[in-house]
Amino acid sequence: MLLSSSDEDVLAAAKALGEDLDVAQSEATAAEFESLLIECNEMISEEIGLEYGAVCDAGNDCC
């Protein structure tokens, strides 16, 4: 599957976010990291216009 440049940009940004979160997790307490994840999810939801919990069935611990 060929990706458009915007798809590639999104994937690169997601990879960078994942790497940053990995570093943050190693440097933060569990509570601090959980707060950071909640903040990230809220910002992503605002940016893309979808509620993260609605996309991923939050009731089944898939995410």
PDB file of N, CA and C in Angstrom:
ATOM      1  N   MET A   1       0.844  -1.174   0.000  1.00  0.00           N
ATOM      2  CA  MET A   1       0.000   0.000   0.000  1.00  0.00           C
ATOM      3  C   MET A   1       0.890   1.238   0.000  1.00  0.00           C
ATOM      4  N   LEU A   2       0.640   2.138  -0.920  1.00  0.00           N
ATOM      5  CA  LEU A   2       1.375   3.394  -0.977  1.00  0.00           C
ATOM      6  C   LEU A   2       0.700   4.423  -0.088  1.00  0.00           C
ATOM      7  N   LEU A   3       1.507   5.168   0.623  1.00  0.00           N
ATOM      8  CA  LEU A   3       0.983   6.199   1.509  1.00  0.00           C
ATOM      9  C   LEU A   3       1.216   7.566   0.892  1.00  0.00           C
ATOM     10  N   SER A   4       0.271   8.453   1.082  1.00  0.00           N
ATOM     11  CA  SER A   4       0.471   9.830   0.635  1.00  0.00           C
ATOM     12  C   SER A   4       1.438  10.508   1.591  1.00  0.00           C
ATOM     13  N   SER A   5       1.948  11.656   1.178  1.00  0.00           N
ATOM     14  CA  SER A   5       2.884  12.362   2.058  1.00  0.00           C
ATOM     15  C   SER A   5       2.219  12.737   3.372  1.00  0.00           C
ATOM     16  N   SER A   6       0.926  13.043   3.333  1.00  0.00           N
ATOM     17  CA  SER A   6       0.249  13.381   4.589  1.00  0.00           C
ATOM     18  C   SER A   6       0.115  12.143   5.471  1.00  0.00           C
ATOM     19  N   ASP A   7      -0.113  10.968   4.865  1.00  0.00           N
ATOM     20  CA  ASP A   7      -0.149   9.730   5.643  1.00  0.00           C
ATOM     21  C   ASP A   7       1.204   9.473   6.292  1.00  0.00           C
ATOM     22  N   GLU A   8       2.255   9.674   5.516  1.00  0.00           N
ATOM     23  CA  GLU A   8       3.603   9.475   6.038  1.00  0.00           C
ATOM     24  C   GLU A   8       3.894  10.451   7.173  1.00  0.00           C
ATOM     25  N   ASP A   9       3.436  11.687   7.040  1.00  0.00           N
ATOM     26  CA  ASP A   9       3.627  12.680   8.096  1.00  0.00           C
ATOM     27  C   ASP A   9       2.912  12.264   9.375  1.00  0.00           C
ATOM     28  N   VAL A  10       1.698  11.756   9.223  1.00  0.00           N
ATOM     29  CA  VAL A  10       0.926  11.317  10.389  1.00  0.00           C
ATOM     30  C   VAL A  10       1.624  10.147  11.070  1.00  0.00           C
ATOM     31  N   LEU A  11       2.096   9.191  10.276  1.00  0.00           N
ATOM     32  CA  LEU A  11       2.793   8.043  10.851  1.00  0.00           C
ATOM     33  C   LEU A  11       4.085   8.464  11.540  1.00  0.00           C
ATOM     34  N   ALA A  12       4.810   9.400  10.952  1.00  0.00           N
ATOM     35  CA  ALA A  12       6.042   9.893  11.563  1.00  0.00           C
ATOM     36  C   ALA A  12       5.744  10.598  12.882  1.00  0.00           C
ATOM     37  N   ALA A  13       4.678  11.388  12.905  1.00  0.00           N
ATOM     38  CA  ALA A  13       4.294  12.080  14.142  1.00  0.00           C
ATOM     39  C   ALA A  13       3.867  11.082  15.209  1.00  0.00           C
ATOM     40  N   ALA A  14       3.134  10.048  14.812  1.00  0.00           N
ATOM     41  CA  ALA A  14       2.705   9.026  15.771  1.00  0.00           C
ATOM     42  C   ALA A  14       3.908   8.278  16.330  1.00  0.00           C
ATOM     43  N   LYS A  15       4.869   7.976  15.474  1.00  0.00           N
ATOM     44  CA  LYS A  15       6.080   7.292  15.934  1.00  0.00           C
ATOM     45  C   LYS A  15       6.847   8.170  16.916  1.00  0.00           C
ATOM     46  N   ALA A  16       6.985   9.448  16.596  1.00  0.00           N
ATOM     47  CA  ALA A  16       7.693  10.377  17.483  1.00  0.00           C
ATOM     48  C   ALA A  16       6.978  10.496  18.825  1.00  0.00           C
ATOM     49  N   LEU A  17       5.645  10.565  18.798  1.00  0.00           N
ATOM     50  CA  LEU A  17       4.880  10.629  20.039  1.00  0.00           C
ATOM     51  C   LEU A  17       5.115   9.372  20.861  1.00  0.00           C
ATOM     52  N   GLY A  18       5.090   8.215  20.215  1.00  0.00           N
ATOM     53  CA  GLY A  18       5.334   6.957  20.917  1.00  0.00           C
ATOM     54  C   GLY A  18       6.704   6.925  21.569  1.00  0.00           C
ATOM     55  N   GLU A  19       7.709   7.407  20.857  1.00  0.00           N
ATOM     56  CA  GLU A  19       9.064   7.449  21.407  1.00  0.00           C
ATOM     57  C   GLU A  19       9.139   8.405  22.593  1.00  0.00           C
ATOM     58  N   ASP A  20       8.508   9.566  22.469  1.00  0.00           N
ATOM     59  CA  ASP A  20       8.493  10.533  23.568  1.00  0.00           C
ATOM     60  C   ASP A  20       7.761   9.974  24.787  1.00  0.00           C
ATOM     61  N   LEU A  21       6.656   9.273  24.548  1.00  0.00           N
ATOM     62  CA  LEU A  21       5.916   8.676  25.662  1.00  0.00           C
ATOM     63  C   LEU A  21       6.724   7.577  26.334  1.00  0.00           C
ATOM     64  N   ASP A  22       7.503   6.841  25.562  1.00  0.00           N
ATOM     65  CA  ASP A  22       8.358   5.798  26.133  1.00  0.00           C
ATOM     66  C   ASP A  22       9.379   6.408  27.091  1.00  0.00           C
ATOM     67  N   VAL A  23       9.982   7.512  26.676  1.00  0.00           N
ATOM     68  CA  VAL A  23      10.939   8.212  27.537  1.00  0.00           C
ATOM     69  C   VAL A  23      10.233   8.758  28.777  1.00  0.00           C
ATOM     70  N   ALA A  24       9.081   9.379  28.572  1.00  0.00           N
ATOM     71  CA  ALA A  24       8.329   9.958  29.690  1.00  0.00           C
ATOM     72  C   ALA A  24       7.945   8.886  30.700  1.00  0.00           C
ATOM     73  N   GLN A  25       7.560   7.709  30.216  1.00  0.00           N
ATOM     74  CA  GLN A  25       7.155   6.633  31.121  1.00  0.00           C
ATOM     75  C   GLN A  25       8.325   6.194  31.994  1.00  0.00           C
ATOM     76  N   SER A  26       9.522   6.185  31.433  1.00  0.00           N
ATOM     77  CA  SER A  26      10.687   5.752  32.203  1.00  0.00           C
ATOM     78  C   SER A  26      11.110   6.789  33.241  1.00  0.00           C
ATOM     79  N   GLU A  27      10.671   8.038  33.065  1.00  0.00           N
ATOM     80  CA  GLU A  27      11.081   9.119  33.959  1.00  0.00           C
ATOM     81  C   GLU A  27       9.994   9.567  34.927  1.00  0.00           C
ATOM     82  N   ALA A  28       8.781   9.062  34.787  1.00  0.00           N
ATOM     83  CA  ALA A  28       7.649   9.543  35.588  1.00  0.00           C
ATOM     84  C   ALA A  28       7.132   8.443  36.507  1.00  0.00           C
ATOM     85  N   THR A  29       6.417   8.878  37.527  1.00  0.00           N
ATOM     86  CA  THR A  29       5.706   7.908  38.355  1.00  0.00           C
ATOM     87  C   THR A  29       4.509   7.396  37.557  1.00  0.00           C
ATOM     88  N   ALA A  30       3.917   6.321  38.029  1.00  0.00           N
ATOM     89  CA  ALA A  30       2.748   5.764  37.340  1.00  0.00           C
ATOM     90  C   ALA A  30       1.621   6.793  37.262  1.00  0.00           C
ATOM     91  N   ALA A  31       1.398   7.520  38.341  1.00  0.00           N
ATOM     92  CA  ALA A  31       0.325   8.519  38.367  1.00  0.00           C
ATOM     93  C   ALA A  31       0.623   9.669  37.405  1.00  0.00           C
ATOM     94  N   GLU A  32       1.873  10.119  37.371  1.00  0.00           N
ATOM     95  CA  GLU A  32       2.249  11.199  36.453  1.00  0.00           C
ATOM     96  C   GLU A  32       2.083  10.764  35.003  1.00  0.00           C
ATOM     97  N   PHE A  33       2.490   9.530  34.714  1.00  0.00           N
ATOM     98  CA  PHE A  33       2.387   9.036  33.347  1.00  0.00           C
ATOM     99  C   PHE A  33       0.929   8.861  32.936  1.00  0.00           C
ATOM    100  N   GLU A  34       0.101   8.371  33.847  1.00  0.00           N
ATOM    101  CA  GLU A  34      -1.321   8.226  33.537  1.00  0.00           C
ATOM    102  C   GLU A  34      -1.948   9.585  33.233  1.00  0.00           C
ATOM    103  N   SER A  35      -1.589  10.602  34.014  1.00  0.00           N
ATOM    104  CA  SER A  35      -2.093  11.956  33.757  1.00  0.00           C
ATOM    105  C   SER A  35      -1.643  12.456  32.389  1.00  0.00           C
ATOM    106  N   LEU A  36      -0.400  12.170  32.037  1.00  0.00           N
ATOM    107  CA  LEU A  36       0.126  12.567  30.734  1.00  0.00           C
ATOM    108  C   LEU A  36      -0.639  11.876  29.605  1.00  0.00           C
ATOM    109  N   LEU A  37      -0.930  10.587  29.758  1.00  0.00           N
ATOM    110  CA  LEU A  37      -1.687   9.861  28.734  1.00  0.00           C
ATOM    111  C   LEU A  37      -3.089  10.431  28.568  1.00  0.00           C
ATOM    112  N   ILE A  38      -3.724  10.758  29.683  1.00  0.00           N
ATOM    113  CA  ILE A  38      -5.068  11.345  29.621  1.00  0.00           C
ATOM    114  C   ILE A  38      -5.018  12.677  28.880  1.00  0.00           C
ATOM    115  N   GLU A  39      -4.018  13.493  29.202  1.00  0.00           N
ATOM    116  CA  GLU A  39      -3.868  14.789  28.531  1.00  0.00           C
ATOM    117  C   GLU A  39      -3.617  14.599  27.030  1.00  0.00           C
ATOM    118  N   CYS A  40      -2.770  13.641  26.679  1.00  0.00           N
ATOM    119  CA  CYS A  40      -2.503  13.370  25.258  1.00  0.00           C
ATOM    120  C   CYS A  40      -3.772  12.929  24.542  1.00  0.00           C
ATOM    121  N   ASN A  41      -4.519  12.028  25.153  1.00  0.00           N
ATOM    122  CA  ASN A  41      -5.759  11.549  24.537  1.00  0.00           C
ATOM    123  C   ASN A  41      -6.754  12.682  24.330  1.00  0.00           C
ATOM    124  N   GLU A  42      -6.849  13.589  25.316  1.00  0.00           N
ATOM    125  CA  GLU A  42      -7.760  14.725  25.183  1.00  0.00           C
ATOM    126  C   GLU A  42      -7.330  15.637  24.042  1.00  0.00           C
ATOM    127  N   MET A  43      -6.023  15.884  23.930  1.00  0.00           N
ATOM    128  CA  MET A  43      -5.523  16.757  22.865  1.00  0.00           C
ATOM    129  C   MET A  43      -5.709  16.111  21.496  1.00  0.00           C
ATOM    130  N   ILE A  44      -5.474  14.805  21.408  1.00  0.00           N
ATOM    131  CA  ILE A  44      -5.681  14.099  20.142  1.00  0.00           C
ATOM    132  C   ILE A  44      -7.155  14.161  19.760  1.00  0.00           C
ATOM    133  N   SER A  45      -8.032  13.941  20.730  1.00  0.00           N
ATOM    134  CA  SER A  45      -9.475  13.993  20.466  1.00  0.00           C
ATOM    135  C   SER A  45      -9.888  15.362  19.944  1.00  0.00           C
ATOM    136  N   GLU A  46      -9.358  16.427  20.561  1.00  0.00           N
ATOM    137  CA  GLU A  46      -9.668  17.788  20.106  1.00  0.00           C
ATOM    138  C   GLU A  46      -9.174  18.007  18.684  1.00  0.00           C
ATOM    139  N   GLU A  47      -7.973  17.536  18.402  1.00  0.00           N
ATOM    140  CA  GLU A  47      -7.353  17.776  17.099  1.00  0.00           C
ATOM    141  C   GLU A  47      -8.067  17.036  15.974  1.00  0.00           C
ATOM    142  N   ILE A  48      -8.446  15.786  16.214  1.00  0.00           N
ATOM    143  CA  ILE A  48      -9.046  14.999  15.131  1.00  0.00           C
ATOM    144  C   ILE A  48     -10.567  15.011  15.150  1.00  0.00           C
ATOM    145  N   GLY A  49     -11.143  15.516  16.224  1.00  0.00           N
ATOM    146  CA  GLY A  49     -12.593  15.622  16.295  1.00  0.00           C
ATOM    147  C   GLY A  49     -13.300  14.332  16.643  1.00  0.00           C
ATOM    148  N   LEU A  50     -12.570  13.357  17.143  1.00  0.00           N
ATOM    149  CA  LEU A  50     -13.161  12.092  17.570  1.00  0.00           C
ATOM    150  C   LEU A  50     -12.806  11.833  19.020  1.00  0.00           C
ATOM    151  N   GLU A  51     -13.757  11.319  19.756  1.00  0.00           N
ATOM    152  CA  GLU A  51     -13.473  10.962  21.138  1.00  0.00           C
ATOM    153  C   GLU A  51     -12.799   9.600  21.151  1.00  0.00           C
ATOM    154  N   TYR A  52     -11.600   9.558  21.703  1.00  0.00           N
ATOM    155  CA  TYR A  52     -10.788   8.344  21.702  1.00  0.00           C
ATOM    156  C   TYR A  52     -11.555   7.150  22.264  1.00  0.00           C
ATOM    157  N   GLY A  53     -12.241   7.325  23.369  1.00  0.00           N
ATOM    158  CA  GLY A  53     -12.987   6.240  23.986  1.00  0.00           C
ATOM    159  C   GLY A  53     -14.124   5.730  23.126  1.00  0.00           C
ATOM    160  N   ALA A  54     -14.673   6.592  22.280  1.00  0.00           N
ATOM    161  CA  ALA A  54     -15.764   6.177  21.399  1.00  0.00           C
ATOM    162  C   ALA A  54     -15.248   5.345  20.231  1.00  0.00           C
ATOM    163  N   VAL A  55     -14.021   5.620  19.803  1.00  0.00           N
ATOM    164  CA  VAL A  55     -13.428   4.880  18.691  1.00  0.00           C
ATOM    165  C   VAL A  55     -12.963   3.514  19.161  1.00  0.00           C
ATOM    166  N   CYS A  56     -12.315   3.497  20.299  1.00  0.00           N
ATOM    167  CA  CYS A  56     -11.835   2.251  20.888  1.00  0.00           C
ATOM    168  C   CYS A  56     -12.811   1.904  21.995  1.00  0.00           C
ATOM    169  N   ASP A  57     -13.514   0.820  21.867  1.00  0.00           N
ATOM    170  CA  ASP A  57     -14.515   0.419  22.856  1.00  0.00           C
ATOM    171  C   ASP A  57     -13.867   0.396  24.238  1.00  0.00           C
ATOM    172  N   ALA A  58     -13.953   1.505  24.935  1.00  0.00           N
ATOM    173  CA  ALA A  58     -13.258   1.683  26.206  1.00  0.00           C
ATOM    174  C   ALA A  58     -13.674   0.674  27.261  1.00  0.00           C
ATOM    175  N   GLY A  59     -14.782   0.023  27.076  1.00  0.00           N
ATOM    176  CA  GLY A  59     -15.237  -0.948  28.057  1.00  0.00           C
ATOM    177  C   GLY A  59     -14.518  -2.277  28.012  1.00  0.00           C
ATOM    178  N   ASN A  60     -13.672  -2.507  26.987  1.00  0.00           N
ATOM    179  CA  ASN A  60     -13.044  -3.820  26.909  1.00  0.00           C
ATOM    180  C   ASN A  60     -11.528  -3.792  27.032  1.00  0.00           C
ATOM    181  N   ASP A  61     -10.959  -2.701  27.520  1.00  0.00           N
ATOM    182  CA  ASP A  61      -9.520  -2.582  27.769  1.00  0.00           C
ATOM    183  C   ASP A  61      -8.663  -2.855  26.536  1.00  0.00           C
ATOM    184  N   CYS A  62      -9.152  -2.511  25.365  1.00  0.00           N
ATOM    185  CA  CYS A  62      -8.370  -2.771  24.155  1.00  0.00           C
ATOM    186  C   CYS A  62      -7.259  -1.754  23.955  1.00  0.00           C
ATOM    187  N   CYS A  63      -7.338  -0.623  24.624  1.00  0.00           N
ATOM    188  CA  CYS A  63      -6.365   0.441  24.375  1.00  0.00           C
ATOM    189  C   CYS A  63      -5.478   0.680  25.561  1.00  0.00           C
TER     190      CYS A  63
END
